[in-house]
Protein backbone atom coordinates (compact mmCIF):
# COMPACT_ATOMS: atom_id res chain seq x y z
CA MET A 1 43.77 -17.65 -77.97
CA GLY A 2 41.88 -20.08 -75.75
CA ALA A 3 42.32 -17.75 -72.79
CA CYS A 4 40.84 -14.88 -74.76
CA LEU A 5 37.86 -16.96 -75.78
CA ALA A 6 37.36 -18.09 -72.19
CA LEU A 7 37.58 -14.51 -70.95
CA GLY A 8 35.03 -13.46 -73.52
CA SER A 9 32.73 -16.27 -72.37
CA VAL A 10 33.10 -15.23 -68.75
CA CYS A 11 32.37 -11.59 -69.58
CA SER A 12 29.30 -12.67 -71.55
CA CYS A 13 28.02 -14.70 -68.56
CA ALA A 14 28.73 -11.78 -66.24
CA SER A 15 26.79 -9.36 -68.41
CA CYS A 16 24.00 -11.91 -68.58
CA LEU A 17 23.81 -12.19 -64.78
CA CYS A 18 23.69 -8.41 -64.52
CA GLY A 19 21.16 -8.08 -67.33
CA SER A 20 17.68 -9.33 -67.98
CA ALA A 21 16.20 -12.76 -67.53
CA SER A 22 16.24 -13.30 -71.29
CA CYS A 23 19.97 -14.00 -71.07
CA LEU A 24 19.29 -16.88 -68.70
CA LEU A 25 17.70 -18.92 -71.46
CA SER A 26 20.09 -21.62 -72.58
CA SER A 27 20.26 -22.73 -76.19
CA CYS A 28 19.30 -26.24 -75.06
CA CYS A 29 16.11 -25.02 -73.38
CA PRO A 30 12.80 -24.54 -75.20
CA SER A 31 11.79 -21.01 -76.08
CA THR A 32 9.84 -19.51 -73.23
CA TYR A 33 8.58 -16.26 -71.73
CA ASN A 34 10.38 -13.73 -69.64
CA SER A 35 7.82 -14.00 -66.84
CA THR A 36 8.37 -17.77 -66.50
CA ILE A 37 12.18 -17.45 -66.40
CA SER A 38 12.00 -14.77 -63.65
CA ARG A 39 9.72 -16.85 -61.46
CA LEU A 40 11.91 -19.92 -61.86
CA ALA A 41 15.02 -17.92 -60.99
CA PHE A 42 13.47 -16.55 -57.79
CA SER A 43 12.19 -20.02 -56.88
CA PHE A 44 15.73 -21.33 -57.38
CA LEU A 45 17.00 -18.80 -54.83
CA LEU A 46 14.37 -20.02 -52.38
CA LEU A 47 15.30 -23.67 -53.01
CA LEU A 48 19.01 -22.83 -52.65
CA GLY A 49 18.34 -21.30 -49.24
CA THR A 50 16.27 -24.38 -48.32
CA MET A 51 19.16 -26.65 -49.22
CA VAL A 52 21.52 -24.62 -47.06
CA SER A 53 19.02 -24.85 -44.15
CA VAL A 54 18.78 -28.61 -44.61
CA ILE A 55 22.59 -28.95 -44.51
CA MET A 56 22.84 -26.81 -41.41
CA ILE A 57 20.33 -28.89 -39.49
CA LEU A 58 21.77 -32.29 -40.35
CA PRO A 59 22.72 -34.32 -37.28
CA GLY A 60 26.38 -34.15 -36.33
CA MET A 61 27.11 -31.01 -38.36
CA GLU A 62 28.31 -29.09 -35.28
CA GLU A 63 30.82 -31.82 -34.41
CA HIS A 64 32.21 -31.73 -37.94
CA LEU A 65 32.59 -27.94 -37.82
CA LYS A 66 34.36 -28.07 -34.47
CA LYS A 67 36.99 -30.33 -36.02
CA ILE A 68 38.05 -27.48 -38.33
CA PRO A 69 41.16 -25.96 -36.65
CA GLY A 70 40.69 -22.36 -35.53
CA PHE A 71 37.04 -22.11 -36.56
CA CYS A 72 34.47 -22.90 -33.81
CA MET A 73 34.51 -21.59 -30.25
CA GLY A 74 35.34 -24.60 -28.06
CA GLY A 75 36.65 -26.59 -31.03
CA THR A 76 40.07 -27.51 -32.24
CA ALA A 77 42.39 -24.54 -31.76
CA ILE A 78 45.45 -23.28 -33.60
CA PRO A 79 48.17 -21.68 -31.45
CA GLY A 80 48.02 -17.93 -31.82
CA ILE A 81 44.56 -17.91 -33.46
CA GLU A 82 41.40 -17.29 -31.49
CA ASN A 83 38.32 -19.30 -32.41
CA LYS A 84 35.56 -16.71 -32.85
CA VAL A 85 32.73 -18.51 -34.66
CA ASN A 86 29.77 -19.61 -32.48
CA CYS A 87 28.93 -22.95 -34.12
CA ASP A 88 25.88 -23.33 -31.84
CA ILE A 89 24.24 -20.66 -34.00
CA MET A 90 25.81 -21.84 -37.25
CA VAL A 91 23.97 -25.17 -37.01
CA GLY A 92 20.72 -26.49 -35.62
CA TYR A 93 17.37 -24.77 -35.41
CA LYS A 94 19.01 -21.39 -34.76
CA SER A 95 20.71 -21.50 -38.16
CA VAL A 96 17.40 -22.43 -39.83
CA TYR A 97 15.68 -19.52 -38.16
CA ARG A 98 18.34 -17.10 -39.35
CA MET A 99 18.60 -18.50 -42.87
CA CYS A 100 14.83 -18.36 -43.32
CA PHE A 101 14.75 -14.91 -41.71
CA ALA A 102 17.18 -13.72 -44.40
CA MET A 103 15.10 -15.20 -47.22
CA ALA A 104 11.91 -13.82 -45.73
CA CYS A 105 13.42 -10.31 -45.55
CA PHE A 106 14.70 -10.62 -49.11
CA PHE A 107 11.38 -11.59 -50.62
CA PHE A 108 9.37 -9.21 -48.42
CA LEU A 109 11.60 -6.34 -49.60
CA PHE A 110 10.87 -7.26 -53.21
CA SER A 111 7.17 -7.60 -52.40
CA ILE A 112 7.16 -3.97 -51.21
CA ILE A 113 9.26 -2.67 -54.14
CA MET A 114 7.08 -4.39 -56.76
CA ILE A 115 3.74 -3.05 -55.62
CA ARG A 116 1.57 -1.91 -58.57
CA VAL A 117 3.97 -2.85 -61.36
CA ARG A 118 1.67 -2.96 -64.37
CA SER A 119 3.96 -3.89 -67.28
CA SER A 120 7.55 -4.57 -68.23
CA LYS A 121 7.83 -0.88 -69.26
CA ASP A 122 7.91 0.05 -65.57
CA PRO A 123 11.54 0.66 -64.52
CA ARG A 124 11.05 -1.66 -61.56
CA ALA A 125 10.34 -4.53 -63.96
CA ALA A 126 14.03 -4.45 -64.98
CA LEU A 127 14.89 -5.15 -61.34
CA GLN A 128 12.38 -8.01 -61.27
CA ASN A 129 13.68 -9.63 -64.46
CA GLY A 130 17.38 -8.84 -64.29
CA PHE A 131 20.42 -8.01 -62.12
CA TRP A 132 20.52 -11.56 -60.78
CA PHE A 133 24.11 -11.41 -59.64
CA PHE A 134 23.46 -8.34 -57.53
CA LYS A 135 20.26 -9.82 -56.13
CA PHE A 136 22.22 -12.93 -55.12
CA LEU A 137 24.79 -10.71 -53.38
CA VAL A 138 21.99 -8.89 -51.51
CA LEU A 139 20.58 -12.25 -50.32
CA VAL A 140 24.04 -13.37 -49.19
CA GLY A 141 24.58 -10.08 -47.39
CA ILE A 142 21.25 -10.31 -45.51
CA THR A 143 22.08 -13.91 -44.60
CA VAL A 144 25.47 -13.01 -43.17
CA GLY A 145 23.90 -10.20 -41.17
CA ALA A 146 21.18 -12.49 -39.82
CA PHE A 147 23.78 -14.74 -38.18
CA PHE A 148 24.94 -11.80 -36.06
CA ILE A 149 21.48 -11.33 -34.51
CA PRO A 150 21.76 -12.17 -30.77
CA ASP A 151 19.50 -14.89 -29.45
CA GLY A 152 17.51 -13.04 -26.82
CA ILE A 153 13.89 -12.85 -27.74
CA PHE A 154 14.51 -13.18 -31.51
CA ASN A 155 13.87 -16.92 -31.73
CA THR A 156 10.60 -16.77 -29.81
CA VAL A 157 9.22 -13.76 -31.75
CA TRP A 158 10.26 -15.23 -35.10
CA TYR A 159 8.54 -18.49 -34.13
CA TYR A 160 5.21 -16.72 -33.94
CA PHE A 161 5.86 -15.03 -37.29
CA GLY A 162 6.54 -18.50 -38.68
CA VAL A 163 3.28 -19.89 -37.30
CA VAL A 164 1.11 -17.15 -38.85
CA GLY A 165 2.99 -17.20 -42.15
CA SER A 166 2.84 -20.98 -42.41
CA PHE A 167 -0.89 -20.92 -41.77
CA ILE A 168 -1.37 -18.61 -44.80
CA PHE A 169 1.04 -20.62 -46.93
CA ILE A 170 -0.79 -23.88 -46.23
CA ILE A 171 -3.89 -22.20 -47.71
CA ILE A 172 -1.90 -21.07 -50.75
CA GLN A 173 -0.61 -24.62 -51.19
CA LEU A 174 -4.17 -25.91 -51.13
CA ILE A 175 -5.27 -23.34 -53.72
CA LEU A 176 -2.42 -24.45 -55.97
CA LEU A 177 -3.38 -28.10 -55.49
CA ILE A 178 -7.02 -27.25 -56.37
CA ASP A 179 -5.80 -25.49 -59.53
CA PHE A 180 -3.52 -28.42 -60.38
CA ALA A 181 -6.35 -30.92 -59.86
CA HIS A 182 -8.77 -28.91 -62.02
CA SER A 183 -6.18 -28.53 -64.81
CA TRP A 184 -5.27 -32.24 -64.61
CA ASN A 185 -8.91 -33.36 -64.76
CA GLN A 186 -9.79 -30.99 -67.58
CA SER A 187 -6.74 -32.01 -69.64
CA TRP A 188 -7.48 -35.70 -69.42
CA LEU A 189 -11.20 -35.22 -70.08
CA GLU A 190 -10.32 -33.30 -73.26
CA LYS A 191 -7.96 -36.11 -74.33
CA ALA A 192 -10.65 -38.69 -73.59
CA GLU A 193 -13.10 -36.81 -75.82
CA SER A 194 -10.57 -36.55 -78.66
CA GLY A 195 -9.81 -40.30 -78.76
CA ASN A 196 -9.08 -43.48 -76.81
CA GLU A 197 -11.81 -42.67 -74.32
CA LYS A 198 -11.61 -45.88 -72.29
CA CYS A 199 -7.89 -45.52 -71.70
CA TRP A 200 -8.06 -41.96 -70.35
CA PHE A 201 -11.13 -42.60 -68.20
CA ALA A 202 -9.43 -45.71 -66.77
CA ALA A 203 -6.36 -43.60 -65.91
CA LEU A 204 -8.54 -40.97 -64.20
CA LEU A 205 -10.38 -43.67 -62.27
CA SER A 206 -7.10 -45.32 -61.21
CA PHE A 207 -5.60 -42.16 -59.80
CA THR A 208 -8.87 -41.18 -58.07
CA VAL A 209 -9.23 -44.57 -56.39
CA THR A 210 -5.55 -44.54 -55.37
CA HIS A 211 -5.92 -41.14 -53.68
CA TYR A 212 -9.03 -42.24 -51.82
CA VAL A 213 -7.40 -45.50 -50.70
CA LEU A 214 -4.39 -43.63 -49.37
CA ALA A 215 -6.64 -41.13 -47.58
CA PHE A 216 -8.78 -43.86 -46.00
CA THR A 217 -5.67 -45.81 -45.01
CA ALA A 218 -4.33 -42.67 -43.32
CA VAL A 219 -7.60 -42.37 -41.34
CA VAL A 220 -7.28 -45.94 -40.09
CA LEU A 221 -3.60 -45.49 -39.15
CA PHE A 222 -4.46 -42.25 -37.33
CA TYR A 223 -7.05 -44.03 -35.20
CA VAL A 224 -4.61 -46.86 -34.43
CA PHE A 225 -1.50 -44.86 -33.55
CA TYR A 226 -2.69 -41.36 -32.56
CA THR A 227 -5.68 -42.17 -30.33
CA GLN A 228 -6.19 -44.02 -27.10
CA PRO A 229 -9.38 -45.79 -25.91
CA ASP A 230 -9.62 -43.56 -22.80
CA GLY A 231 -8.05 -40.36 -24.09
CA CYS A 232 -6.78 -38.27 -27.01
CA THR A 233 -10.23 -36.74 -27.49
CA GLU A 234 -8.83 -33.90 -29.60
CA HIS A 235 -7.34 -36.33 -32.09
CA LYS A 236 -10.54 -38.35 -32.37
CA VAL A 237 -12.45 -35.14 -33.12
CA PHE A 238 -9.86 -33.93 -35.68
CA ILE A 239 -9.76 -37.26 -37.55
CA SER A 240 -13.55 -37.75 -37.49
CA LEU A 241 -14.40 -34.21 -38.57
CA ASN A 242 -11.89 -34.09 -41.41
CA PHE A 243 -13.01 -37.53 -42.58
CA ILE A 244 -16.64 -36.38 -42.65
CA PHE A 245 -15.74 -33.09 -44.37
CA CYS A 246 -13.84 -34.99 -47.08
CA ILE A 247 -16.87 -37.17 -47.69
CA ILE A 248 -19.09 -34.07 -47.93
CA VAL A 249 -16.89 -32.29 -50.52
CA SER A 250 -16.64 -35.53 -52.50
CA ILE A 251 -20.42 -35.83 -52.65
CA VAL A 252 -20.86 -32.16 -53.55
CA ALA A 253 -18.27 -32.45 -56.37
CA ILE A 254 -20.46 -35.00 -58.21
CA MET A 255 -23.88 -33.51 -57.53
CA PRO A 256 -25.83 -32.99 -60.79
CA LYS A 257 -26.27 -29.26 -60.33
CA VAL A 258 -22.55 -28.76 -59.64
CA GLN A 259 -21.66 -30.92 -62.63
CA GLU A 260 -24.03 -28.89 -64.77
CA ALA A 261 -22.46 -25.60 -63.68
CA GLN A 262 -18.89 -26.99 -63.79
CA PRO A 263 -18.57 -29.99 -66.10
CA SER A 264 -14.86 -30.38 -65.27
CA SER A 265 -15.44 -30.85 -61.57
CA GLY A 266 -15.22 -34.39 -60.32
CA LEU A 267 -13.84 -36.87 -57.82
CA LEU A 268 -10.22 -36.47 -58.93
CA GLN A 269 -10.04 -33.01 -57.42
CA ALA A 270 -11.90 -34.10 -54.28
CA SER A 271 -9.57 -37.09 -53.85
CA ILE A 272 -6.42 -34.92 -54.03
CA ILE A 273 -7.86 -32.43 -51.54
CA SER A 274 -8.90 -35.26 -49.22
CA LEU A 275 -5.41 -36.72 -49.28
CA TYR A 276 -3.82 -33.34 -48.62
CA THR A 277 -6.29 -32.74 -45.75
CA MET A 278 -5.17 -36.00 -44.16
CA PHE A 279 -1.56 -34.91 -44.47
CA VAL A 280 -2.30 -31.60 -42.69
CA THR A 281 -4.23 -33.54 -40.01
CA TRP A 282 -1.19 -35.80 -39.52
CA SER A 283 1.10 -32.75 -39.29
CA ALA A 284 -1.14 -31.30 -36.61
CA MET A 285 -1.28 -34.42 -34.49
CA THR A 286 2.52 -34.86 -34.57
CA ASN A 287 2.76 -31.56 -32.68
CA ASN A 288 0.54 -32.48 -29.78
CA PRO A 289 2.55 -32.02 -26.56
CA ASN A 290 0.87 -35.10 -25.04
CA ARG A 291 3.25 -37.95 -25.89
CA GLN A 292 0.55 -40.52 -25.12
CA CYS A 293 -1.35 -39.24 -28.16
CA ASN A 294 1.69 -38.45 -30.26
CA PRO A 295 4.08 -41.36 -30.70
CA SER A 296 7.08 -40.30 -32.77
CA LEU A 297 7.86 -42.16 -35.93
CA LEU A 298 10.89 -43.80 -34.30
CA SER A 299 8.74 -45.12 -31.43
CA LEU A 300 6.57 -46.94 -33.96
CA VAL A 301 9.53 -49.00 -35.24
CA GLN A 302 11.72 -49.11 -32.15
CA PRO A 303 11.10 -50.54 -28.64
CA SER A 304 8.89 -48.14 -26.75
CA SER A 305 9.66 -46.68 -23.34
CA PRO A 306 7.56 -47.56 -20.30
CA THR A 307 4.01 -46.29 -20.33
CA PRO A 308 3.83 -42.88 -18.67
CA PRO A 309 1.75 -42.61 -15.49
CA PRO A 310 -1.88 -41.48 -15.79
CA GLY A 311 -2.75 -37.83 -15.49
CA PRO A 312 -1.82 -34.72 -17.46
CA ALA A 313 1.29 -35.31 -19.51
CA PRO A 314 4.09 -32.73 -19.37
CA PRO A 315 4.99 -30.75 -22.52
CA THR A 316 7.05 -32.67 -24.99
CA THR A 317 10.57 -31.33 -25.06
CA ALA A 318 12.81 -31.96 -28.02
CA PRO A 319 15.86 -33.91 -26.83
CA THR A 320 19.41 -32.86 -27.51
CA ASN A 321 19.65 -35.24 -30.46
CA VAL A 322 16.44 -34.34 -32.23
CA GLN A 323 15.15 -36.57 -34.99
CA TRP A 324 14.50 -33.72 -37.44
CA TRP A 325 13.98 -35.95 -40.48
CA ASP A 326 10.68 -37.55 -39.63
CA ALA A 327 8.28 -38.64 -42.33
CA GLN A 328 5.98 -35.66 -41.80
CA SER A 329 8.80 -33.18 -42.54
CA ILE A 330 9.94 -35.07 -45.62
CA VAL A 331 6.43 -35.26 -47.09
CA GLY A 332 5.94 -31.54 -46.28
CA LEU A 333 9.16 -30.64 -48.13
CA ILE A 334 8.10 -32.70 -51.16
CA ILE A 335 4.72 -30.96 -51.31
CA PHE A 336 6.41 -27.60 -50.82
CA LEU A 337 8.84 -28.31 -53.70
CA PHE A 338 6.01 -29.35 -56.01
CA CYS A 339 3.87 -26.31 -55.19
CA THR A 340 6.81 -23.91 -55.56
CA LEU A 341 7.74 -25.21 -59.02
CA TYR A 342 4.10 -25.37 -60.07
CA ALA A 343 3.54 -21.75 -58.97
CA SER A 344 6.54 -20.73 -61.10
CA MET A 345 5.42 -22.53 -64.22
CA ARG A 346 1.64 -22.67 -63.84
CA SER A 347 -0.55 -21.71 -66.80
CA SER A 348 -4.06 -21.84 -65.50
CA ASN A 349 -7.39 -21.24 -67.20
CA ASN A 350 -9.33 -21.31 -63.93
CA SER A 351 -10.66 -17.79 -63.42
CA GLN A 352 -11.41 -18.30 -59.70
CA VAL A 353 -7.89 -19.54 -58.94
CA ASN A 354 -6.32 -16.82 -61.11
CA LYS A 355 -8.21 -14.17 -59.13
CA LEU A 356 -7.09 -15.66 -55.81
CA MET A 357 -3.46 -16.01 -56.96
CA GLN A 358 -3.33 -12.61 -58.72
CA THR A 359 -2.48 -14.12 -62.12
CA GLU A 360 -3.94 -13.85 -65.60
CA GLU A 361 -5.25 -16.59 -67.90
CA GLY A 362 -2.50 -18.92 -68.98
CA GLN A 363 -0.94 -18.66 -72.38
CA GLY A 364 1.37 -21.67 -72.16
CA LEU A 365 4.95 -22.06 -71.07
CA THR A 366 6.67 -22.05 -74.44
CA ALA A 367 6.93 -19.22 -76.95
CA ASP A 368 7.12 -19.23 -80.73
CA TYR A 369 10.60 -20.08 -81.99
CA GLU A 370 10.61 -17.11 -84.39
CA ALA A 371 9.75 -14.69 -81.54
CA ALA A 372 12.47 -16.10 -79.36
CA VAL A 373 15.32 -15.67 -81.90
CA GLY A 374 16.68 -12.17 -82.16
CA GLU A 375 18.16 -10.40 -85.13
CA ASP A 376 21.64 -11.54 -84.02
CA GLY A 377 20.50 -15.15 -84.09
CA VAL A 378 20.72 -15.51 -80.30
CA ARG A 379 17.74 -17.20 -78.63
CA ARG A 380 16.24 -15.10 -75.84
CA ALA A 381 13.18 -15.34 -73.66
CA VAL A 382 10.21 -13.46 -75.08
CA ASP A 383 8.98 -10.38 -73.18
CA ASN A 384 5.26 -11.11 -72.91
CA GLU A 385 4.52 -8.35 -70.41
CA GLU A 386 4.88 -5.17 -72.49
CA GLU A 387 1.13 -4.63 -72.41
CA GLY A 388 0.59 -5.93 -68.93
CA VAL A 389 2.11 -8.29 -66.38
CA THR A 390 0.92 -11.91 -66.41
CA TYR A 391 1.18 -12.19 -62.62
CA SER A 392 1.38 -9.87 -59.69
CA TYR A 393 5.08 -9.34 -58.91
CA SER A 394 4.27 -8.22 -55.40
CA PHE A 395 2.00 -11.14 -54.56
CA PHE A 396 4.48 -13.64 -56.05
CA HIS A 397 7.24 -12.37 -53.74
CA PHE A 398 4.82 -12.33 -50.80
CA SER A 399 4.09 -16.02 -51.49
CA LEU A 400 7.83 -16.74 -51.44
CA PHE A 401 8.05 -14.77 -48.20
CA LEU A 402 5.40 -17.04 -46.69
CA ALA A 403 7.14 -20.09 -48.16
CA SER A 404 10.32 -19.10 -46.29
CA LEU A 405 8.40 -19.14 -43.04
CA TYR A 406 6.79 -22.43 -43.89
CA ILE A 407 10.18 -24.03 -44.58
CA MET A 408 11.42 -22.73 -41.22
CA MET A 409 8.54 -24.35 -39.35
CA THR A 410 8.73 -27.58 -41.32
CA LEU A 411 12.48 -28.09 -40.79
CA THR A 412 12.11 -27.45 -37.06
CA ASN A 413 9.02 -29.66 -36.74
CA TRP A 414 7.02 -26.67 -35.53
CA TYR A 415 8.82 -26.87 -32.21
CA LYS A 416 8.81 -23.71 -30.11
CA PRO A 417 12.17 -22.53 -28.72
CA ASP A 418 12.25 -22.26 -24.95
CA ILE A 419 13.06 -19.02 -23.16
CA ASP A 420 16.61 -20.11 -22.40
CA ASP A 421 17.12 -21.28 -26.05
CA HIS A 422 18.47 -24.62 -24.78
CA THR A 423 15.42 -26.72 -25.51
CA MET A 424 12.46 -26.78 -27.92
CA GLN A 425 8.95 -28.02 -27.27
CA SER A 426 5.83 -28.80 -29.24
CA THR A 427 2.79 -26.69 -28.45
CA MET A 428 -0.97 -26.84 -28.92
CA PRO A 429 -1.20 -23.52 -30.80
CA ALA A 430 0.73 -25.16 -33.65
CA VAL A 431 -1.80 -27.98 -33.64
CA TRP A 432 -4.76 -25.63 -33.89
CA VAL A 433 -3.08 -23.55 -36.61
CA MET A 434 -2.72 -26.56 -38.88
CA ILE A 435 -6.11 -28.02 -38.13
CA SER A 436 -7.87 -24.68 -38.75
CA SER A 437 -5.93 -24.31 -42.00
CA SER A 438 -7.24 -27.70 -43.14
CA TRP A 439 -10.80 -26.60 -42.40
CA LEU A 440 -10.34 -23.29 -44.18
CA GLY A 441 -8.84 -25.10 -47.16
CA LEU A 442 -11.78 -27.49 -47.36
CA ALA A 443 -14.15 -24.48 -47.19
CA LEU A 444 -12.27 -22.83 -50.09
CA PHE A 445 -12.53 -25.97 -52.20
CA LEU A 446 -16.21 -26.26 -51.39
CA TRP A 447 -16.69 -22.65 -52.45
CA THR A 448 -15.06 -23.30 -55.81
CA LEU A 449 -17.70 -25.96 -56.35
CA VAL A 450 -20.82 -24.13 -55.20
CA ALA A 451 -19.89 -20.54 -56.17
CA PRO A 452 -21.56 -20.73 -59.62
CA LEU A 453 -24.78 -21.92 -57.96
CA VAL A 454 -24.72 -19.35 -55.14
CA LEU A 455 -23.86 -16.43 -57.48
CA PRO A 456 -25.49 -17.38 -60.83
CA ASP A 457 -25.11 -13.84 -62.22
CA ARG A 458 -21.33 -13.96 -62.06
CA ASP A 459 -19.11 -15.57 -64.69
CA PHE A 460 -17.08 -18.48 -63.23
CA SER A 461 -16.12 -20.08 -66.54
């Protein structure tokens, strides 16, 4: 009897995985919308691929795999069995490139398929919101195939794809942070107006001051560790310009005319953007090939090597035992995780951000309980897209495509693979990509502040 019940449960789960996203709603979860469940499920696939990439790049993973009898070429052998797996590709930056290549192909394929889907009545919407088991199999199949790609020129070409895609994704991250900051500020201002005004304003002030203190501290540390009295001119320019730009956007955010046009604008948003700008500046400087201007995190806490001779410094080559898990990569992954989850669950009322992100005005994350319970008493996610989709399916997948490239560059510290694929080196193009993305992001934030003043005839409410 128990076996029959278990078999019935398994069959129910199997049909759920092959069906729509509404089946994925657990009875312990709050009632929610079909569109939210689907975005969370796709984001989970991206995060799953990220976890696999992280495991593959962990130090010592290749040695552990070679200990498996009959598995790796050059590892422990079993008499009569030929070791056929190239563990040099299974681990390290090559594995990250291939794993992220598979995820990028998967999401780019869905981005193409989902072009111009207008409502859940479109047959392609069933593919977007269902068939999860088969979509997982497709992702696994692409991943397996990616590991059979020969090295050759693949790593170098895919590196440049990663640079361009990461540049765009950094801008998307900044847009999401702007949206989050506006929503946060507006929510707390509304709560302050409804009661306990001093408490909420004190909380807003505390977070704002904390963000500015962290940003200013970062500027000081940058000057101390990433500049030299007689050199590192690029770093001095980057730090000074971004510091000045952050001051400018902070002043503009509290100008009377801007406050009159956008009462919810304030220093909280500017402080978050300033802190993120300092992070991007830090990321850029850690990729400078000149080691005199780019001390690694380990060199700050460990005895340093002799001072290199004066003159042009050779390109920085990643050693055999690369310290992948530096602070910059960890912070980048945390911001990526936050932005990915926020993009999946966001419910924004900011019309400018909604237009940029191809989404509609938020209607909340949870649905009415009565609407979520079917005639059979089973709770399901509510289909809120019968009249029209709440977000662009195609743009959402394109964002995940860019996120896959960003993860690839973050996990490999933006190092460029050498022609012989034996070494990796940091390059100045990666530095300029990140710095220019910080400038473009600041320009976008400035535009969200002054747009109602520049174009008074348009509705920016």
